[in-house]
Amino acid sequence: MLEIKKIEKRVVLICWKQKQDNPVEVFSNLKNLCLSYPQYNYNTLNNYLSKNKIAYENEEVRIERLPVYAKPMLRMQRGQRSILPVVVKQPLNAIDEQQQNLEHWLGQPVKERLSAVTFIVGQSLKRGQRMNKTIVHRKKMKE
């Protein structure tokens, strides 16, 4: 995956199809290219390169705008995780998982806790089976 960044600088690349010496030239902007080669119209090239985002091409040249990368692009290696695992290293006798779970759920909003309980109960029911509501106490929730 590529790291997405706002691209601020672009260059204009002109590739000559028939030229053997110096077949590629790079310009900082389109105006400089058009001043160097007056046979190419600024407005025509600007329409191709900015609105349609396609390269201008004819029998002689291919002209396109390309981004300038000032920092390396980060690519993921095969088999590399995109989600990093959370690892907490503690001695086993120091971990109080029940207390951590309690603190987590008490920190959640009431609607979130109710949604989680409903989801867990729903997983234990068979298809078409309904929850026994005889032991459920209903209370109105404050918004």
C-alpha atoms as a PDB file:
ATOM      1  CA  MET A   1       0.000   0.000   0.000  1.00  0.00           C
ATOM      2  CA  LEU A   2       1.145   3.502  -0.656  1.00  0.00           C
ATOM      3  CA  GLU A   3       1.121   6.137   1.984  1.00  0.00           C
ATOM      4  CA  ILE A   4      -1.310   8.790   0.833  1.00  0.00           C
ATOM      5  CA  LYS A   5       0.071  12.315   1.019  1.00  0.00           C
ATOM      6  CA  LYS A   6      -0.942  15.627  -0.445  1.00  0.00           C
ATOM      7  CA  ILE A   7       1.243  16.182  -3.497  1.00  0.00           C
ATOM      8  CA  GLU A   8       2.301  19.799  -3.759  1.00  0.00           C
ATOM      9  CA  LYS A   9       5.033  19.817  -6.415  1.00  0.00           C
ATOM     10  CA  ARG A  10       4.704  18.504  -9.943  1.00  0.00           C
ATOM     11  CA  VAL A  11       6.976  18.572 -12.970  1.00  0.00           C
ATOM     12  CA  VAL A  12       6.262  18.410 -16.676  1.00  0.00           C
ATOM     13  CA  LEU A  13       7.974  15.494 -18.407  1.00  0.00           C
ATOM     14  CA  ILE A  14       8.460  15.475 -22.179  1.00  0.00           C
ATOM     15  CA  CYS A  15       9.539  12.215 -23.831  1.00  0.00           C
ATOM     16  CA  TRP A  16      10.772  12.497 -27.415  1.00  0.00           C
ATOM     17  CA  LYS A  17       9.975   9.435 -29.524  1.00  0.00           C
ATOM     18  CA  GLN A  18      12.454  10.099 -32.365  1.00  0.00           C
ATOM     19  CA  LYS A  19      15.328  11.778 -30.472  1.00  0.00           C
ATOM     20  CA  GLN A  20      18.205   9.480 -29.591  1.00  0.00           C
ATOM     21  CA  ASP A  21      20.254  12.037 -27.662  1.00  0.00           C
ATOM     22  CA  ASN A  22      18.448  13.378 -24.588  1.00  0.00           C
ATOM     23  CA  PRO A  23      15.085  11.622 -25.179  1.00  0.00           C
ATOM     24  CA  VAL A  24      13.619  12.857 -21.859  1.00  0.00           C
ATOM     25  CA  GLU A  25      13.400  16.443 -20.581  1.00  0.00           C
ATOM     26  CA  VAL A  26      11.948  17.712 -17.315  1.00  0.00           C
ATOM     27  CA  PHE A  27      10.477  21.184 -16.840  1.00  0.00           C
ATOM     28  CA  SER A  28       9.393  22.834 -13.605  1.00  0.00           C
ATOM     29  CA  ASN A  29       6.173  24.093 -15.201  1.00  0.00           C
ATOM     30  CA  LEU A  30       4.221  24.078 -18.432  1.00  0.00           C
ATOM     31  CA  LYS A  31       5.007  27.702 -19.251  1.00  0.00           C
ATOM     32  CA  ASN A  32       8.746  26.977 -19.415  1.00  0.00           C
ATOM     33  CA  LEU A  33       8.127  24.033 -21.748  1.00  0.00           C
ATOM     34  CA  CYS A  34       5.980  26.150 -24.088  1.00  0.00           C
ATOM     35  CA  LEU A  35       8.551  28.970 -24.133  1.00  0.00           C
ATOM     36  CA  SER A  36      11.272  26.445 -25.016  1.00  0.00           C
ATOM     37  CA  TYR A  37       9.164  24.750 -27.710  1.00  0.00           C
ATOM     38  CA  PRO A  38       6.784  27.346 -29.247  1.00  0.00           C
ATOM     39  CA  GLN A  39       5.197  24.739 -31.539  1.00  0.00           C
ATOM     40  CA  TYR A  40       3.233  23.439 -28.509  1.00  0.00           C
ATOM     41  CA  ASN A  41       0.298  25.582 -27.414  1.00  0.00           C
ATOM     42  CA  TYR A  42       0.077  26.293 -23.689  1.00  0.00           C
ATOM     43  CA  ASN A  43      -3.743  26.192 -23.596  1.00  0.00           C
ATOM     44  CA  THR A  44      -3.964  22.872 -25.424  1.00  0.00           C
ATOM     45  CA  LEU A  45      -1.390  21.219 -23.174  1.00  0.00           C
ATOM     46  CA  ASN A  46      -2.973  22.696 -20.044  1.00  0.00           C
ATOM     47  CA  ASN A  47      -6.373  21.276 -21.043  1.00  0.00           C
ATOM     48  CA  TYR A  48      -4.887  17.814 -21.467  1.00  0.00           C
ATOM     49  CA  LEU A  49      -2.691  17.801 -18.387  1.00  0.00           C
ATOM     50  CA  SER A  50      -4.956  19.436 -15.808  1.00  0.00           C
ATOM     51  CA  LYS A  51      -8.606  18.800 -16.664  1.00  0.00           C
ATOM     52  CA  ASN A  52      -8.509  15.360 -18.255  1.00  0.00           C
ATOM     53  CA  LYS A  53      -5.454  14.184 -16.275  1.00  0.00           C
ATOM     54  CA  ILE A  54      -4.189  12.382 -19.365  1.00  0.00           C
ATOM     55  CA  ALA A  55      -0.898  12.755 -21.168  1.00  0.00           C
ATOM     56  CA  TYR A  56      -0.652  14.698 -24.404  1.00  0.00           C
ATOM     57  CA  GLU A  57       0.717  12.449 -27.127  1.00  0.00           C
ATOM     58  CA  ASN A  58       1.418  12.708 -30.851  1.00  0.00           C
ATOM     59  CA  GLU A  59       3.905  11.141 -33.298  1.00  0.00           C
ATOM     60  CA  GLU A  60       6.832  13.154 -31.889  1.00  0.00           C
ATOM     61  CA  VAL A  61       6.313  13.416 -28.117  1.00  0.00           C
ATOM     62  CA  ARG A  62       4.516  12.346 -24.994  1.00  0.00           C
ATOM     63  CA  ILE A  63       4.006  15.142 -22.438  1.00  0.00           C
ATOM     64  CA  GLU A  64       2.734  14.471 -18.921  1.00  0.00           C
ATOM     65  CA  ARG A  65       2.700  15.950 -15.431  1.00  0.00           C
ATOM     66  CA  LEU A  66       4.209  13.845 -12.683  1.00  0.00           C
ATOM     67  CA  PRO A  67       4.504  14.389  -8.917  1.00  0.00           C
ATOM     68  CA  VAL A  68       7.827  15.106  -7.232  1.00  0.00           C
ATOM     69  CA  TYR A  69       8.359  12.855  -4.220  1.00  0.00           C
ATOM     70  CA  ALA A  70      10.437  14.613  -1.572  1.00  0.00           C
ATOM     71  CA  LYS A  71      10.149  11.701   0.876  1.00  0.00           C
ATOM     72  CA  PRO A  72      10.296   7.944   0.262  1.00  0.00           C
ATOM     73  CA  MET A  73       7.042   6.166  -0.457  1.00  0.00           C
ATOM     74  CA  LEU A  74       6.337   3.449   2.094  1.00  0.00           C
ATOM     75  CA  ARG A  75       5.384   0.118   0.563  1.00  0.00           C
ATOM     76  CA  MET A  76       4.199  -2.865   2.564  1.00  0.00           C
ATOM     77  CA  GLN A  77       6.132  -6.090   2.243  1.00  0.00           C
ATOM     78  CA  ARG A  78       4.298  -9.337   1.517  1.00  0.00           C
ATOM     79  CA  GLY A  79       3.123 -10.934   4.710  1.00  0.00           C
ATOM     80  CA  GLN A  80       3.621  -7.734   6.673  1.00  0.00           C
ATOM     81  CA  ARG A  81       0.693  -6.861   8.923  1.00  0.00           C
ATOM     82  CA  SER A  82      -1.193  -3.655   8.365  1.00  0.00           C
ATOM     83  CA  ILE A  83      -2.701  -3.904  11.862  1.00  0.00           C
ATOM     84  CA  LEU A  84      -0.188  -4.074  14.656  1.00  0.00           C
ATOM     85  CA  PRO A  85      -0.970  -6.413  17.560  1.00  0.00           C
ATOM     86  CA  VAL A  86      -1.348  -4.915  21.018  1.00  0.00           C
ATOM     87  CA  VAL A  87       1.155  -6.514  23.353  1.00  0.00           C
ATOM     88  CA  VAL A  88       1.359  -5.888  27.082  1.00  0.00           C
ATOM     89  CA  LYS A  89       4.247  -7.565  28.862  1.00  0.00           C
ATOM     90  CA  GLN A  90       3.544  -8.147  32.552  1.00  0.00           C
ATOM     91  CA  PRO A  91       4.113 -10.986  34.976  1.00  0.00           C
ATOM     92  CA  LEU A  92       1.103 -13.332  35.030  1.00  0.00           C
ATOM     93  CA  ASN A  93       0.440 -12.788  38.727  1.00  0.00           C
ATOM     94  CA  ALA A  94       0.249  -8.984  38.180  1.00  0.00           C
ATOM     95  CA  ILE A  95      -2.519  -9.102  35.537  1.00  0.00           C
ATOM     96  CA  ASP A  96      -6.058  -8.559  36.828  1.00  0.00           C
ATOM     97  CA  GLU A  97      -8.092  -9.228  33.706  1.00  0.00           C
ATOM     98  CA  GLN A  98     -11.463  -8.962  35.463  1.00  0.00           C
ATOM     99  CA  GLN A  99     -10.605  -5.503  36.748  1.00  0.00           C
ATOM    100  CA  GLN A 100      -9.380  -4.402  33.301  1.00  0.00           C
ATOM    101  CA  ASN A 101     -12.605  -5.675  31.688  1.00  0.00           C
ATOM    102  CA  LEU A 102     -14.735  -3.932  34.317  1.00  0.00           C
ATOM    103  CA  GLU A 103     -12.888  -0.632  33.811  1.00  0.00           C
ATOM    104  CA  HIS A 104     -13.268  -0.932  30.038  1.00  0.00           C
ATOM    105  CA  TRP A 105     -17.028  -1.542  30.102  1.00  0.00           C
ATOM    106  CA  LEU A 106     -17.684   1.088  32.774  1.00  0.00           C
ATOM    107  CA  GLY A 107     -15.915   3.557  30.508  1.00  0.00           C
ATOM    108  CA  GLN A 108     -18.304   2.795  27.634  1.00  0.00           C
ATOM    109  CA  PRO A 109     -21.632   4.641  27.181  1.00  0.00           C
ATOM    110  CA  VAL A 110     -24.793   2.855  28.350  1.00  0.00           C
ATOM    111  CA  LYS A 111     -26.087   2.348  24.797  1.00  0.00           C
ATOM    112  CA  GLU A 112     -22.806   0.707  23.787  1.00  0.00           C
ATOM    113  CA  ARG A 113     -22.926  -1.681  26.771  1.00  0.00           C
ATOM    114  CA  LEU A 114     -26.572  -2.565  26.037  1.00  0.00           C
ATOM    115  CA  SER A 115     -25.730  -3.185  22.395  1.00  0.00           C
ATOM    116  CA  ALA A 116     -22.860  -5.516  23.385  1.00  0.00           C
ATOM    117  CA  VAL A 117     -25.078  -7.503  25.795  1.00  0.00           C
ATOM    118  CA  THR A 118     -27.788  -7.848  23.140  1.00  0.00           C
ATOM    119  CA  PHE A 119     -25.201  -9.042  20.622  1.00  0.00           C
ATOM    120  CA  ILE A 120     -23.766 -11.654  23.008  1.00  0.00           C
ATOM    121  CA  VAL A 121     -27.244 -12.955  23.947  1.00  0.00           C
ATOM    122  CA  GLY A 122     -28.159 -13.066  20.253  1.00  0.00           C
ATOM    123  CA  GLN A 123     -25.141 -15.270  19.537  1.00  0.00           C
ATOM    124  CA  SER A 124     -26.287 -17.856  22.067  1.00  0.00           C
ATOM    125  CA  LEU A 125     -29.789 -18.158  20.551  1.00  0.00           C
ATOM    126  CA  LYS A 126     -30.611 -20.632  17.816  1.00  0.00           C
ATOM    127  CA  ARG A 127     -32.122 -19.511  14.518  1.00  0.00           C
ATOM    128  CA  GLY A 128     -35.735 -18.469  15.047  1.00  0.00           C
ATOM    129  CA  GLN A 129     -35.453 -18.723  18.841  1.00  0.00           C
ATOM    130  CA  ARG A 130     -36.495 -15.686  20.854  1.00  0.00           C
ATOM    131  CA  MET A 131     -35.014 -14.395  24.072  1.00  0.00           C
ATOM    132  CA  ASN A 132     -36.822 -15.234  27.327  1.00  0.00           C
ATOM    133  CA  LYS A 133     -37.898 -11.804  28.569  1.00  0.00           C
ATOM    134  CA  THR A 134     -39.598 -12.919  31.769  1.00  0.00           C
ATOM    135  CA  ILE A 135     -36.526 -12.060  33.845  1.00  0.00           C
ATOM    136  CA  VAL A 136     -35.656  -8.836  32.044  1.00  0.00           C
ATOM    137  CA  HIS A 137     -36.350  -5.558  33.837  1.00  0.00           C
ATOM    138  CA  ARG A 138     -37.053  -2.648  31.541  1.00  0.00           C
ATOM    139  CA  LYS A 139     -35.891   0.817  32.421  1.00  0.00           C
ATOM    140  CA  LYS A 140     -36.112   3.965  30.340  1.00  0.00           C
ATOM    141  CA  MET A 141     -32.728   5.295  29.336  1.00  0.00           C
ATOM    142  CA  LYS A 142     -31.894   8.953  29.776  1.00  0.00           C
ATOM    143  CA  GLU A 143     -30.607  10.575  26.618  1.00  0.00           C
END
